[in-house]
Amino acid sequence: MEISPDYFLDITAEICPFTFVKTKLMLEKMSSGQTLAVDLRGAEPLRNVPASVREEGHTVLSLTPAAGDGVMRMLIRKGG
């Protein structure tokens, strides 16, 4: 079953630490249980953003290739 995210964020043009900062700011605007799709690219964001999201108490539901060109889409469920 595919989940339709409540929010979408494209951080493919950002560099660390702004990749996680922008993700965290978006999650703060959301309600618990809502989902956020984040497009990201590059080894550092792919390593750091999912780890930081989990440390904040959220759930990474999936991390899959998106449109191409090395872009990955991470689906996050906001924790309580």
PDB file of N, CA and C in Angstrom:
ATOM      1  N   MET A   1       0.840  -1.195   0.000  1.00  0.00           N
ATOM      2  CA  MET A   1       0.000   0.000   0.000  1.00  0.00           C
ATOM      3  C   MET A   1       0.875   1.245   0.000  1.00  0.00           C
ATOM      4  N   GLU A   2       0.631   2.125  -0.943  1.00  0.00           N
ATOM      5  CA  GLU A   2       1.410   3.342  -1.042  1.00  0.00           C
ATOM      6  C   GLU A   2       0.784   4.423  -0.171  1.00  0.00           C
ATOM      7  N   ILE A   3       1.627   5.117   0.562  1.00  0.00           N
ATOM      8  CA  ILE A   3       1.168   6.191   1.442  1.00  0.00           C
ATOM      9  C   ILE A   3       1.275   7.513   0.694  1.00  0.00           C
ATOM     10  N   SER A   4       0.215   8.280   0.705  1.00  0.00           N
ATOM     11  CA  SER A   4       0.233   9.607   0.111  1.00  0.00           C
ATOM     12  C   SER A   4       0.643  10.598   1.202  1.00  0.00           C
ATOM     13  N   PRO A   5       1.821  11.232   1.057  1.00  0.00           N
ATOM     14  CA  PRO A   5       2.309  12.102   2.127  1.00  0.00           C
ATOM     15  C   PRO A   5       1.443  13.346   2.323  1.00  0.00           C
ATOM     16  N   ASP A   6       1.406  13.817   3.564  1.00  0.00           N
ATOM     17  CA  ASP A   6       0.675  15.045   3.879  1.00  0.00           C
ATOM     18  C   ASP A   6       1.459  16.280   3.439  1.00  0.00           C
ATOM     19  N   TYR A   7       2.781  16.175   3.457  1.00  0.00           N
ATOM     20  CA  TYR A   7       3.653  17.291   3.105  1.00  0.00           C
ATOM     21  C   TYR A   7       4.793  16.798   2.235  1.00  0.00           C
ATOM     22  N   PHE A   8       5.400  17.725   1.471  1.00  0.00           N
ATOM     23  CA  PHE A   8       6.531  17.398   0.609  1.00  0.00           C
ATOM     24  C   PHE A   8       7.615  18.458   0.778  1.00  0.00           C
ATOM     25  N   LEU A   9       8.870  18.024   0.795  1.00  0.00           N
ATOM     26  CA  LEU A   9      10.006  18.929   0.939  1.00  0.00           C
ATOM     27  C   LEU A   9      11.106  18.480  -0.005  1.00  0.00           C
ATOM     28  N   ASP A  10      11.645  19.408  -0.790  1.00  0.00           N
ATOM     29  CA  ASP A  10      12.759  19.119  -1.701  1.00  0.00           C
ATOM     30  C   ASP A  10      14.007  19.796  -1.147  1.00  0.00           C
ATOM     31  N   ILE A  11      14.969  18.976  -0.693  1.00  0.00           N
ATOM     32  CA  ILE A  11      16.225  19.531  -0.162  1.00  0.00           C
ATOM     33  C   ILE A  11      17.416  19.102  -1.021  1.00  0.00           C
ATOM     34  N   THR A  12      17.142  18.788  -2.302  1.00  0.00           N
ATOM     35  CA  THR A  12      18.212  18.310  -3.176  1.00  0.00           C
ATOM     36  C   THR A  12      19.270  19.385  -3.441  1.00  0.00           C
ATOM     37  N   ALA A  13      18.907  20.647  -3.329  1.00  0.00           N
ATOM     38  CA  ALA A  13      19.868  21.722  -3.584  1.00  0.00           C
ATOM     39  C   ALA A  13      20.567  22.194  -2.307  1.00  0.00           C
ATOM     40  N   GLU A  14      20.207  21.635  -1.165  1.00  0.00           N
ATOM     41  CA  GLU A  14      20.776  22.063   0.121  1.00  0.00           C
ATOM     42  C   GLU A  14      22.010  21.242   0.475  1.00  0.00           C
ATOM     43  N   ILE A  15      22.832  21.807   1.358  1.00  0.00           N
ATOM     44  CA  ILE A  15      23.992  21.092   1.883  1.00  0.00           C
ATOM     45  C   ILE A  15      23.842  20.956   3.391  1.00  0.00           C
ATOM     46  N   CYS A  16      24.508  19.949   3.966  1.00  0.00           N
ATOM     47  CA  CYS A  16      24.473  19.764   5.417  1.00  0.00           C
ATOM     48  C   CYS A  16      25.131  20.971   6.085  1.00  0.00           C
ATOM     49  N   PRO A  17      24.631  21.469   7.199  1.00  0.00           N
ATOM     50  CA  PRO A  17      23.557  20.900   8.014  1.00  0.00           C
ATOM     51  C   PRO A  17      22.162  21.384   7.618  1.00  0.00           C
ATOM     52  N   PHE A  18      22.038  22.182   6.559  1.00  0.00           N
ATOM     53  CA  PHE A  18      20.739  22.743   6.203  1.00  0.00           C
ATOM     54  C   PHE A  18      19.745  21.685   5.754  1.00  0.00           C
ATOM     55  N   THR A  19      20.244  20.530   5.277  1.00  0.00           N
ATOM     56  CA  THR A  19      19.325  19.472   4.870  1.00  0.00           C
ATOM     57  C   THR A  19      18.468  19.031   6.045  1.00  0.00           C
ATOM     58  N   PHE A  20      19.089  18.802   7.203  1.00  0.00           N
ATOM     59  CA  PHE A  20      18.304  18.378   8.359  1.00  0.00           C
ATOM     60  C   PHE A  20      17.558  19.549   8.986  1.00  0.00           C
ATOM     61  N   VAL A  21      18.154  20.732   9.003  1.00  0.00           N
ATOM     62  CA  VAL A  21      17.489  21.903   9.592  1.00  0.00           C
ATOM     63  C   VAL A  21      16.152  22.145   8.893  1.00  0.00           C
ATOM     64  N   LYS A  22      16.139  22.128   7.573  1.00  0.00           N
ATOM     65  CA  LYS A  22      14.887  22.349   6.835  1.00  0.00           C
ATOM     66  C   LYS A  22      13.885  21.227   7.086  1.00  0.00           C
ATOM     67  N   THR A  23      14.389  19.981   7.173  1.00  0.00           N
ATOM     68  CA  THR A  23      13.507  18.846   7.460  1.00  0.00           C
ATOM     69  C   THR A  23      12.895  18.994   8.845  1.00  0.00           C
ATOM     70  N   LYS A  24      13.724  19.352   9.824  1.00  0.00           N
ATOM     71  CA  LYS A  24      13.242  19.505  11.200  1.00  0.00           C
ATOM     72  C   LYS A  24      12.205  20.628  11.302  1.00  0.00           C
ATOM     73  N   LEU A  25      12.443  21.757  10.640  1.00  0.00           N
ATOM     74  CA  LEU A  25      11.492  22.873  10.674  1.00  0.00           C
ATOM     75  C   LEU A  25      10.145  22.464  10.085  1.00  0.00           C
ATOM     76  N   MET A  26      10.173  21.685   9.014  1.00  0.00           N
ATOM     77  CA  MET A  26       8.918  21.225   8.413  1.00  0.00           C
ATOM     78  C   MET A  26       8.196  20.269   9.363  1.00  0.00           C
ATOM     79  N   LEU A  27       8.934  19.342   9.978  1.00  0.00           N
ATOM     80  CA  LEU A  27       8.319  18.398  10.914  1.00  0.00           C
ATOM     81  C   LEU A  27       7.693  19.126  12.107  1.00  0.00           C
ATOM     82  N   GLU A  28       8.300  20.223  12.554  1.00  0.00           N
ATOM     83  CA  GLU A  28       7.758  20.986  13.689  1.00  0.00           C
ATOM     84  C   GLU A  28       6.404  21.600  13.374  1.00  0.00           C
ATOM     85  N   LYS A  29       6.127  21.863  12.090  1.00  0.00           N
ATOM     86  CA  LYS A  29       4.847  22.451  11.682  1.00  0.00           C
ATOM     87  C   LYS A  29       3.741  21.412  11.592  1.00  0.00           C
ATOM     88  N   MET A  30       4.118  20.137  11.576  1.00  0.00           N
ATOM     89  CA  MET A  30       3.177  19.057  11.338  1.00  0.00           C
ATOM     90  C   MET A  30       2.590  18.507  12.634  1.00  0.00           C
ATOM     91  N   SER A  31       1.485  17.791  12.513  1.00  0.00           N
ATOM     92  CA  SER A  31       0.870  17.106  13.650  1.00  0.00           C
ATOM     93  C   SER A  31       1.422  15.694  13.751  1.00  0.00           C
ATOM     94  N   SER A  32       1.405  15.143  14.951  1.00  0.00           N
ATOM     95  CA  SER A  32       1.853  13.775  15.179  1.00  0.00           C
ATOM     96  C   SER A  32       1.071  12.811  14.298  1.00  0.00           C
ATOM     97  N   GLY A  33       1.791  11.871  13.655  1.00  0.00           N
ATOM     98  CA  GLY A  33       1.155  10.889  12.798  1.00  0.00           C
ATOM     99  C   GLY A  33       1.090  11.281  11.335  1.00  0.00           C
ATOM    100  N   GLN A  34       1.299  12.560  11.023  1.00  0.00           N
ATOM    101  CA  GLN A  34       1.296  12.981   9.631  1.00  0.00           C
ATOM    102  C   GLN A  34       2.594  12.523   8.952  1.00  0.00           C
ATOM    103  N   THR A  35       2.563  12.482   7.616  1.00  0.00           N
ATOM    104  CA  THR A  35       3.728  12.019   6.869  1.00  0.00           C
ATOM    105  C   THR A  35       4.329  13.129   6.018  1.00  0.00           C
ATOM    106  N   LEU A  36       5.645  13.019   5.834  1.00  0.00           N
ATOM    107  CA  LEU A  36       6.414  13.993   5.068  1.00  0.00           C
ATOM    108  C   LEU A  36       7.292  13.239   4.080  1.00  0.00           C
ATOM    109  N   ALA A  37       7.205  13.595   2.803  1.00  0.00           N
ATOM    110  CA  ALA A  37       8.108  13.061   1.787  1.00  0.00           C
ATOM    111  C   ALA A  37       9.216  14.083   1.580  1.00  0.00           C
ATOM    112  N   VAL A  38      10.459  13.622   1.644  1.00  0.00           N
ATOM    113  CA  VAL A  38      11.614  14.495   1.482  1.00  0.00           C
ATOM    114  C   VAL A  38      12.482  13.970   0.348  1.00  0.00           C
ATOM    115  N   ASP A  39      12.723  14.804  -0.665  1.00  0.00           N
ATOM    116  CA  ASP A  39      13.658  14.446  -1.727  1.00  0.00           C
ATOM    117  C   ASP A  39      15.036  14.957  -1.339  1.00  0.00           C
ATOM    118  N   LEU A  40      16.034  14.063  -1.361  1.00  0.00           N
ATOM    119  CA  LEU A  40      17.391  14.441  -0.995  1.00  0.00           C
ATOM    120  C   LEU A  40      18.376  13.755  -1.931  1.00  0.00           C
ATOM    121  N   ARG A  41      19.616  14.302  -1.957  1.00  0.00           N
ATOM    122  CA  ARG A  41      20.627  13.781  -2.857  1.00  0.00           C
ATOM    123  C   ARG A  41      21.993  13.937  -2.212  1.00  0.00           C
ATOM    124  N   GLY A  42      22.859  12.951  -2.432  1.00  0.00           N
ATOM    125  CA  GLY A  42      24.233  13.029  -1.953  1.00  0.00           C
ATOM    126  C   GLY A  42      24.471  12.129  -0.763  1.00  0.00           C
ATOM    127  N   ALA A  43      25.713  11.668  -0.638  1.00  0.00           N
ATOM    128  CA  ALA A  43      26.061  10.702   0.409  1.00  0.00           C
ATOM    129  C   ALA A  43      25.838  11.246   1.815  1.00  0.00           C
ATOM    130  N   GLU A  44      26.249  12.490   2.055  1.00  0.00           N
ATOM    131  CA  GLU A  44      26.137  13.042   3.407  1.00  0.00           C
ATOM    132  C   GLU A  44      24.689  13.194   3.855  1.00  0.00           C
ATOM    133  N   PRO A  45      23.814  13.817   3.056  1.00  0.00           N
ATOM    134  CA  PRO A  45      22.400  13.899   3.462  1.00  0.00           C
ATOM    135  C   PRO A  45      21.758  12.518   3.614  1.00  0.00           C
ATOM    136  N   LEU A  46      22.104  11.577   2.733  1.00  0.00           N
ATOM    137  CA  LEU A  46      21.517  10.233   2.819  1.00  0.00           C
ATOM    138  C   LEU A  46      21.931   9.522   4.096  1.00  0.00           C
ATOM    139  N   ARG A  47      23.099   9.844   4.607  1.00  0.00           N
ATOM    140  CA  ARG A  47      23.577   9.231   5.846  1.00  0.00           C
ATOM    141  C   ARG A  47      23.021   9.975   7.063  1.00  0.00           C
ATOM    142  N   ASN A  48      23.072  11.297   7.027  1.00  0.00           N
ATOM    143  CA  ASN A  48      22.778  12.109   8.208  1.00  0.00           C
ATOM    144  C   ASN A  48      21.297  12.386   8.457  1.00  0.00           C
ATOM    145  N   VAL A  49      20.538  12.686   7.414  1.00  0.00           N
ATOM    146  CA  VAL A  49      19.147  13.093   7.619  1.00  0.00           C
ATOM    147  C   VAL A  49      18.297  11.957   8.205  1.00  0.00           C
ATOM    148  N   PRO A  50      18.340  10.729   7.641  1.00  0.00           N
ATOM    149  CA  PRO A  50      17.539   9.660   8.272  1.00  0.00           C
ATOM    150  C   PRO A  50      17.947   9.388   9.719  1.00  0.00           C
ATOM    151  N   ALA A  51      19.239   9.420  10.007  1.00  0.00           N
ATOM    152  CA  ALA A  51      19.703   9.186  11.386  1.00  0.00           C
ATOM    153  C   ALA A  51      19.199  10.277  12.318  1.00  0.00           C
ATOM    154  N   SER A  52      19.274  11.518  11.883  1.00  0.00           N
ATOM    155  CA  SER A  52      18.819  12.647  12.712  1.00  0.00           C
ATOM    156  C   SER A  52      17.313  12.607  12.932  1.00  0.00           C
ATOM    157  N   VAL A  53      16.573  12.226  11.894  1.00  0.00           N
ATOM    158  CA  VAL A  53      15.113  12.113  11.997  1.00  0.00           C
ATOM    159  C   VAL A  53      14.754  11.081  13.064  1.00  0.00           C
ATOM    160  N   ARG A  54      15.447   9.937  13.033  1.00  0.00           N
ATOM    161  CA  ARG A  54      15.182   8.879  14.031  1.00  0.00           C
ATOM    162  C   ARG A  54      15.543   9.355  15.438  1.00  0.00           C
ATOM    163  N   GLU A  55      16.653  10.076  15.567  1.00  0.00           N
ATOM    164  CA  GLU A  55      17.066  10.593  16.876  1.00  0.00           C
ATOM    165  C   GLU A  55      16.028  11.551  17.450  1.00  0.00           C
ATOM    166  N   GLU A  56      15.298  12.226  16.580  1.00  0.00           N
ATOM    167  CA  GLU A  56      14.258  13.164  17.012  1.00  0.00           C
ATOM    168  C   GLU A  56      12.963  12.439  17.389  1.00  0.00           C
ATOM    169  N   GLY A  57      12.912  11.120  17.193  1.00  0.00           N
ATOM    170  CA  GLY A  57      11.734  10.353  17.587  1.00  0.00           C
ATOM    171  C   GLY A  57      10.725  10.096  16.490  1.00  0.00           C
ATOM    172  N   HIS A  58      11.123  10.347  15.239  1.00  0.00           N
ATOM    173  CA  HIS A  58      10.226  10.111  14.108  1.00  0.00           C
ATOM    174  C   HIS A  58      10.569   8.770  13.458  1.00  0.00           C
ATOM    175  N   THR A  59       9.706   8.293  12.571  1.00  0.00           N
ATOM    176  CA  THR A  59       9.899   7.009  11.908  1.00  0.00           C
ATOM    177  C   THR A  59      10.175   7.213  10.430  1.00  0.00           C
ATOM    178  N   VAL A  60      11.270   6.636   9.946  1.00  0.00           N
ATOM    179  CA  VAL A  60      11.548   6.625   8.512  1.00  0.00           C
ATOM    180  C   VAL A  60      10.819   5.409   7.939  1.00  0.00           C
ATOM    181  N   LEU A  61       9.777   5.661   7.160  1.00  0.00           N
ATOM    182  CA  LEU A  61       8.957   4.586   6.603  1.00  0.00           C
ATOM    183  C   LEU A  61       9.601   3.955   5.382  1.00  0.00           C
ATOM    184  N   SER A  62      10.298   4.768   4.583  1.00  0.00           N
ATOM    185  CA  SER A  62      10.946   4.239   3.384  1.00  0.00           C
ATOM    186  C   SER A  62      11.997   5.231   2.895  1.00  0.00           C
ATOM    187  N   LEU A  63      12.917   4.698   2.100  1.00  0.00           N
ATOM    188  CA  LEU A  63      13.949   5.502   1.440  1.00  0.00           C
ATOM    189  C   LEU A  63      14.157   4.848   0.084  1.00  0.00           C
ATOM    190  N   THR A  64      13.596   5.449  -0.953  1.00  0.00           N
ATOM    191  CA  THR A  64      13.586   4.826  -2.272  1.00  0.00           C
ATOM    192  C   THR A  64      14.046   5.814  -3.337  1.00  0.00           C
ATOM    193  N   PRO A  65      14.535   5.299  -4.476  1.00  0.00           N
ATOM    194  CA  PRO A  65      14.914   6.200  -5.576  1.00  0.00           C
ATOM    195  C   PRO A  65      13.706   6.997  -6.045  1.00  0.00           C
ATOM    196  N   ALA A  66      13.931   8.274  -6.311  1.00  0.00           N
ATOM    197  CA  ALA A  66      12.847   9.145  -6.797  1.00  0.00           C
ATOM    198  C   ALA A  66      12.985   9.299  -8.313  1.00  0.00           C
ATOM    199  N   ALA A  67      12.998  10.496  -8.787  1.00  0.00           N
ATOM    200  CA  ALA A  67      12.944  10.781 -10.216  1.00  0.00           C
ATOM    201  C   ALA A  67      14.175  10.321 -10.993  1.00  0.00           C
ATOM    202  N   GLY A  68      15.274  10.091 -10.334  1.00  0.00           N
ATOM    203  CA  GLY A  68      16.512   9.772 -11.028  1.00  0.00           C
ATOM    204  C   GLY A  68      17.573  10.785 -10.665  1.00  0.00           C
ATOM    205  N   ASP A  69      18.714  10.754 -11.342  1.00  0.00           N
ATOM    206  CA  ASP A  69      19.788  11.708 -11.091  1.00  0.00           C
ATOM    207  C   ASP A  69      20.288  11.631  -9.648  1.00  0.00           C
ATOM    208  N   GLY A  70      20.217  10.429  -9.055  1.00  0.00           N
ATOM    209  CA  GLY A  70      20.716  10.242  -7.695  1.00  0.00           C
ATOM    210  C   GLY A  70      19.799  10.757  -6.597  1.00  0.00           C
ATOM    211  N   VAL A  71      18.590  11.167  -6.957  1.00  0.00           N
ATOM    212  CA  VAL A  71      17.649  11.693  -5.962  1.00  0.00           C
ATOM    213  C   VAL A  71      16.931  10.534  -5.268  1.00  0.00           C
ATOM    214  N   MET A  72      16.882  10.605  -3.941  1.00  0.00           N
ATOM    215  CA  MET A  72      16.174   9.608  -3.141  1.00  0.00           C
ATOM    216  C   MET A  72      15.001  10.291  -2.449  1.00  0.00           C
ATOM    217  N   ARG A  73      13.920   9.534  -2.238  1.00  0.00           N
ATOM    218  CA  ARG A  73      12.751  10.055  -1.534  1.00  0.00           C
ATOM    219  C   ARG A  73      12.607   9.307  -0.203  1.00  0.00           C
ATOM    220  N   MET A  74      12.624  10.078   0.879  1.00  0.00           N
ATOM    221  CA  MET A  74      12.458   9.520   2.215  1.00  0.00           C
ATOM    222  C   MET A  74      11.053   9.866   2.692  1.00  0.00           C
ATOM    223  N   LEU A  75      10.347   8.861   3.202  1.00  0.00           N
ATOM    224  CA  LEU A  75       9.011   9.073   3.742  1.00  0.00           C
ATOM    225  C   LEU A  75       9.098   8.942   5.264  1.00  0.00           C
ATOM    226  N   ILE A  76       8.666   9.999   5.955  1.00  0.00           N
ATOM    227  CA  ILE A  76       8.786  10.093   7.408  1.00  0.00           C
ATOM    228  C   ILE A  76       7.397  10.197   8.028  1.00  0.00           C
ATOM    229  N   ARG A  77       7.183   9.470   9.140  1.00  0.00           N
ATOM    230  CA  ARG A  77       5.958   9.659   9.928  1.00  0.00           C
ATOM    231  C   ARG A  77       6.369  10.386  11.195  1.00  0.00           C
ATOM    232  N   LYS A  78       5.729  11.523  11.447  1.00  0.00           N
ATOM    233  CA  LYS A  78       6.069  12.308  12.637  1.00  0.00           C
ATOM    234  C   LYS A  78       5.670  11.561  13.900  1.00  0.00           C
ATOM    235  N   GLY A  79       6.603  11.513  14.827  1.00  0.00           N
ATOM    236  CA  GLY A  79       6.362  10.865  16.108  1.00  0.00           C
ATOM    237  C   GLY A  79       5.603  11.775  17.069  1.00  0.00           C
ATOM    238  N   GLY A  80       5.223  11.204  18.204  1.00  0.00           N
ATOM    239  CA  GLY A  80       4.465  11.948  19.195  1.00  0.00           C
ATOM    240  C   GLY A  80       5.385  12.685  20.086  1.00  0.00           C
TER     241      GLY A  80
END
